[in-house]
Amino acid sequence: MAEVIVALDVATELEALHLADSMPSLGWAKVGPTLFLRSGPAIVRELKSRGVQVFLDLKWHDIPHQVAGAVAAAEELDVDLATVHAAGGIEMLRAAAAASGFMRLAAVSVLTSHTPESYGEATGRGTVDLDEEVSRLAKLAMAAGVHGVVTSPREVGAMRSLVGAETWLVVPGIRPAGSDMGDQRRTADPRAAVEAGATHIVVGRPITRSEQPEAVYNQICAEIA
C-alpha cells in the first residue's frame, strides 16, 4: 500500500514538530534543506523519537567521494530515505548506493517545477521530451543500484513499467482537487498517482498550510487506501 510523506517545509524546528504532533498517525515526514539547515540533525532525531520515518530530501549532487560521505552520515543518523540527483552520473550514484547501508536511496530525475522548455534551457538542449529524459535518468539510477526514483506524477506510470514492481517510486507534486498549484508544473491528485504506481506520495503545502492539517492528511490517506 502506498504511503503519504508530509513535507515539513517550514522555517523552524518548533513549527515542524508542532505540525508532526498535530497528526498523531503521521508515518513519514520529509525534511528539506531549509529546515535541516536551521535545525540540524536534531530535527531528524526528534521525529524519529516520535516514531516517524524520515525522508531527508537534500538532493545531493557532488563528486562521488562527497556524496558517499553525506549518504553514510545520513544512514548513521537513522534516516530512512534520502535523495541524490541522477544527473550526478553513474559513478556518483554507485558511490552513494554503496554507502547507503540500511537506508533507502532515491534518485531525483527531473524536478517537478520544470517544464520541457525550462529544462531544455537549463541543460542547453532546447525543448526536451521530459518523458524520455526521466526514463534515461531512471535507467542510470537502476544500473547504479539505487533503490528508488523520484519522479513527477505525470511520468510515474511509465516509471513503474521501466523499473519493475519492487522499486520505490517517490512522487512529489501531489495536489488534491482544488489545491493551489504553487510553483509545481507536473502534478496529479493523490489517487491518480497511486493508481499509476507510486509507492510514496509527497504532500506539503496542501497539508502544512491548512487550518486543519490532520483532517487533510487523514483525507488523503483515506483516498489512497
Protein backbone atom coordinates (compact mmCIF):
# COMPACT_ATOMS: atom_id res chain seq x y z
CA MET A 1 0.00 0.00 0.00
CA ALA A 2 1.27 3.49 -0.84
CA GLU A 3 2.32 5.81 1.96
CA VAL A 4 1.93 9.55 2.45
CA ILE A 5 5.03 11.60 3.23
CA VAL A 6 4.26 15.02 4.69
CA ALA A 7 6.77 17.64 3.60
CA LEU A 8 7.59 19.71 6.66
CA ASP A 9 8.73 22.66 4.56
CA VAL A 10 8.51 25.18 7.36
CA ALA A 11 11.04 27.60 8.79
CA THR A 12 11.74 26.24 12.28
CA GLU A 13 12.05 23.04 14.26
CA LEU A 14 9.26 24.23 16.56
CA GLU A 15 6.85 24.63 13.64
CA ALA A 16 7.83 21.26 12.21
CA LEU A 17 7.32 19.41 15.47
CA HIS A 18 4.02 21.23 16.10
CA LEU A 19 2.81 20.02 12.71
CA ALA A 20 4.02 16.49 13.35
CA ASP A 21 2.31 16.42 16.74
CA SER A 22 -0.93 17.67 15.17
CA MET A 23 -1.07 14.45 13.10
CA PRO A 24 -0.91 11.58 15.62
CA SER A 25 -0.99 8.92 12.90
CA LEU A 26 1.84 10.52 10.88
CA GLY A 27 4.07 7.80 9.46
CA TRP A 28 6.52 9.71 7.28
CA ALA A 29 7.90 13.25 7.27
CA LYS A 30 10.11 14.95 4.73
CA VAL A 31 12.92 17.21 5.97
CA GLY A 32 14.20 19.52 3.26
CA PRO A 33 17.22 21.84 3.08
CA THR A 34 15.71 24.91 4.77
CA LEU A 35 14.51 23.02 7.84
CA PHE A 36 17.65 20.90 8.05
CA LEU A 37 19.97 23.89 7.85
CA ARG A 38 18.05 25.73 10.56
CA SER A 39 17.53 22.74 12.86
CA GLY A 40 20.39 20.40 12.04
CA PRO A 41 20.39 16.67 12.79
CA ALA A 42 18.29 17.34 15.89
CA ILE A 43 15.10 17.55 13.82
CA VAL A 44 15.71 14.05 12.47
CA ARG A 45 16.33 12.69 15.96
CA GLU A 46 13.18 14.36 17.33
CA LEU A 47 10.99 12.99 14.56
CA LYS A 48 12.45 9.52 14.96
CA SER A 49 11.82 9.68 18.73
CA ARG A 50 8.13 10.22 17.87
CA GLY A 51 8.07 7.08 15.74
CA VAL A 52 8.06 9.00 12.43
CA GLN A 53 10.09 7.73 9.49
CA VAL A 54 12.26 10.46 7.97
CA PHE A 55 12.80 11.30 4.32
CA LEU A 56 15.86 13.57 4.19
CA ASP A 57 15.45 15.38 0.89
CA LEU A 58 18.75 17.21 0.31
CA LYS A 59 19.20 16.03 -3.30
CA TRP A 60 22.96 15.58 -3.21
CA HIS A 61 24.85 16.29 -6.44
CA ASP A 62 28.60 16.44 -5.98
CA ILE A 63 31.74 14.42 -6.62
CA PRO A 64 31.35 10.72 -5.67
CA HIS A 65 33.50 10.98 -2.53
CA GLN A 66 31.49 13.84 -1.06
CA VAL A 67 28.12 12.28 -1.85
CA ALA A 68 29.16 8.93 -0.40
CA GLY A 69 30.20 10.70 2.80
CA ALA A 70 26.89 12.53 3.06
CA VAL A 71 24.92 9.32 2.46
CA ALA A 72 26.91 7.48 5.13
CA ALA A 73 26.30 10.31 7.61
CA ALA A 74 22.56 10.21 6.92
CA GLU A 75 22.49 6.46 7.45
CA GLU A 76 24.30 6.88 10.77
CA LEU A 77 21.62 9.41 11.75
CA ASP A 78 18.99 6.68 11.18
CA VAL A 79 17.41 8.44 8.20
CA ASP A 80 15.02 6.10 6.36
CA LEU A 81 15.16 7.60 2.86
CA ALA A 82 17.44 10.18 1.22
CA THR A 83 17.85 11.65 -2.24
CA VAL A 84 20.61 12.15 -4.77
CA HIS A 85 20.41 13.67 -8.24
CA ALA A 86 20.55 11.09 -11.02
CA ALA A 87 22.22 13.78 -13.15
CA GLY A 88 25.30 13.37 -10.94
CA GLY A 89 26.23 10.40 -13.10
CA ILE A 90 26.81 6.68 -12.73
CA GLU A 91 29.95 6.85 -10.58
CA MET A 92 28.37 9.22 -8.10
CA LEU A 93 25.23 7.07 -7.95
CA ARG A 94 27.26 3.88 -7.40
CA ALA A 95 29.24 5.53 -4.59
CA ALA A 96 26.00 6.69 -2.96
CA ALA A 97 24.36 3.26 -3.22
CA ALA A 98 27.44 1.56 -1.77
CA ALA A 99 27.41 3.90 1.24
CA SER A 100 23.68 3.70 1.96
CA GLY A 101 23.70 0.71 4.33
CA PHE A 102 20.17 0.05 5.60
CA MET A 103 18.90 3.42 4.38
CA ARG A 104 16.87 3.63 1.18
CA LEU A 105 18.16 5.93 -1.53
CA ALA A 106 16.09 7.53 -4.30
CA ALA A 107 17.43 9.29 -7.37
CA VAL A 108 15.82 12.55 -8.47
CA SER A 109 15.11 12.55 -12.18
CA VAL A 110 13.64 15.90 -13.32
CA LEU A 111 12.29 18.38 -10.76
CA THR A 112 8.50 18.77 -10.79
CA SER A 113 8.90 22.54 -11.19
CA HIS A 114 10.38 22.05 -14.68
CA THR A 115 8.58 22.31 -17.98
CA PRO A 116 10.13 20.92 -21.21
CA GLU A 117 11.20 24.46 -22.08
CA SER A 118 12.74 25.35 -18.71
CA TYR A 119 14.62 22.04 -18.51
CA GLY A 120 15.87 22.49 -22.05
CA GLU A 121 17.08 25.98 -21.20
CA ALA A 122 18.87 24.72 -18.08
CA THR A 123 20.63 21.95 -20.00
CA GLY A 124 21.25 23.89 -23.20
CA ARG A 125 19.32 21.34 -25.26
CA GLY A 126 16.30 23.27 -26.50
CA THR A 127 12.88 21.82 -25.73
CA VAL A 128 13.35 18.40 -24.10
CA ASP A 129 10.98 15.43 -24.10
CA LEU A 130 10.70 15.05 -20.34
CA ASP A 131 9.29 11.51 -20.52
CA GLU A 132 12.42 10.39 -22.36
CA GLU A 133 14.70 12.32 -20.00
CA VAL A 134 13.11 10.89 -16.87
CA SER A 135 13.38 7.38 -18.32
CA ARG A 136 17.03 7.89 -19.24
CA LEU A 137 17.94 9.08 -15.75
CA ALA A 138 15.91 6.32 -14.08
CA LYS A 139 17.77 3.66 -16.07
CA LEU A 140 21.05 5.21 -14.93
CA ALA A 141 19.94 5.07 -11.30
CA MET A 142 18.79 1.46 -11.55
CA ALA A 143 22.08 0.44 -13.16
CA ALA A 144 23.91 2.02 -10.21
CA GLY A 145 21.93 0.06 -7.62
CA VAL A 146 19.81 2.91 -6.26
CA HIS A 147 16.62 1.73 -4.51
CA GLY A 148 14.11 4.15 -5.98
CA VAL A 149 13.33 7.08 -8.24
CA VAL A 150 11.78 10.46 -7.51
CA THR A 151 9.54 11.38 -10.41
CA SER A 152 6.57 13.61 -11.12
CA PRO A 153 3.02 12.23 -11.22
CA ARG A 154 2.99 12.65 -14.99
CA GLU A 155 5.79 10.11 -15.53
CA VAL A 156 5.07 7.65 -12.72
CA GLY A 157 3.14 5.17 -14.90
CA ALA A 158 5.99 4.88 -17.38
CA MET A 159 8.46 4.60 -14.50
CA ARG A 160 6.61 1.68 -12.96
CA SER A 161 6.83 -0.25 -16.23
CA LEU A 162 10.50 0.63 -16.55
CA VAL A 163 11.85 -0.10 -13.06
CA GLY A 164 9.78 -3.13 -12.05
CA ALA A 165 7.48 -3.88 -9.15
CA GLU A 166 9.94 -3.68 -6.23
CA THR A 167 11.45 -0.25 -6.83
CA TRP A 168 10.19 2.65 -4.74
CA LEU A 169 8.60 5.47 -6.71
CA VAL A 170 8.56 8.64 -4.63
CA VAL A 171 6.20 11.17 -6.16
CA PRO A 172 6.09 14.87 -5.21
CA GLY A 173 3.87 17.42 -6.92
CA ILE A 174 0.74 15.96 -5.32
CA ARG A 175 -2.19 18.36 -5.30
CA PRO A 176 -5.62 17.28 -4.04
CA ALA A 177 -8.57 18.61 -6.03
CA GLY A 178 -8.94 22.35 -5.56
CA SER A 179 -5.41 22.93 -4.27
CA ASP A 180 -3.20 25.79 -5.41
CA MET A 181 -0.52 24.54 -7.83
CA GLY A 182 2.09 26.92 -6.42
CA ASP A 183 5.41 26.50 -8.29
CA GLN A 184 4.66 22.93 -9.34
CA ARG A 185 4.07 22.27 -13.02
CA ARG A 186 3.63 18.49 -13.42
CA THR A 187 1.07 17.49 -10.80
CA ALA A 188 -1.71 15.00 -10.07
CA ASP A 189 -4.15 14.20 -7.31
CA PRO A 190 -3.18 11.54 -4.73
CA ARG A 191 -5.33 8.71 -6.04
CA ALA A 192 -4.18 9.13 -9.65
CA ALA A 193 -0.52 9.00 -8.61
CA VAL A 194 -1.01 5.84 -6.56
CA GLU A 195 -3.06 4.12 -9.24
CA ALA A 196 -0.26 4.85 -11.69
CA GLY A 197 2.26 3.10 -9.43
CA ALA A 198 3.57 5.48 -6.76
CA THR A 199 4.74 3.80 -3.55
CA HIS A 200 5.17 7.09 -1.67
CA ILE A 201 3.45 10.41 -2.37
CA VAL A 202 4.89 13.63 -1.00
CA VAL A 203 2.39 16.29 0.08
CA GLY A 204 3.45 19.61 1.54
CA ARG A 205 1.56 22.87 1.31
CA PRO A 206 -1.96 21.42 0.93
CA ILE A 207 -1.42 19.96 4.42
CA THR A 208 1.02 22.29 6.12
CA ARG A 209 -0.80 25.50 5.12
CA SER A 210 -4.22 24.15 6.02
CA GLU A 211 -6.01 25.31 9.14
CA GLN A 212 -6.77 21.63 9.76
CA PRO A 213 -3.65 19.68 8.74
CA GLU A 214 -4.76 16.47 10.45
CA ALA A 215 -8.07 16.45 8.59
CA VAL A 216 -6.38 16.98 5.22
CA TYR A 217 -3.76 14.33 5.98
CA ASN A 218 -6.39 11.79 7.02
CA GLN A 219 -8.48 12.58 3.95
CA ILE A 220 -5.51 11.90 1.64
CA CYS A 221 -4.66 8.67 3.47
CA ALA A 222 -8.27 7.52 3.10
CA GLU A 223 -8.29 8.47 -0.58
CA ILE A 224 -5.35 6.21 -1.42
CA ALA A 225 -6.21 3.35 0.93
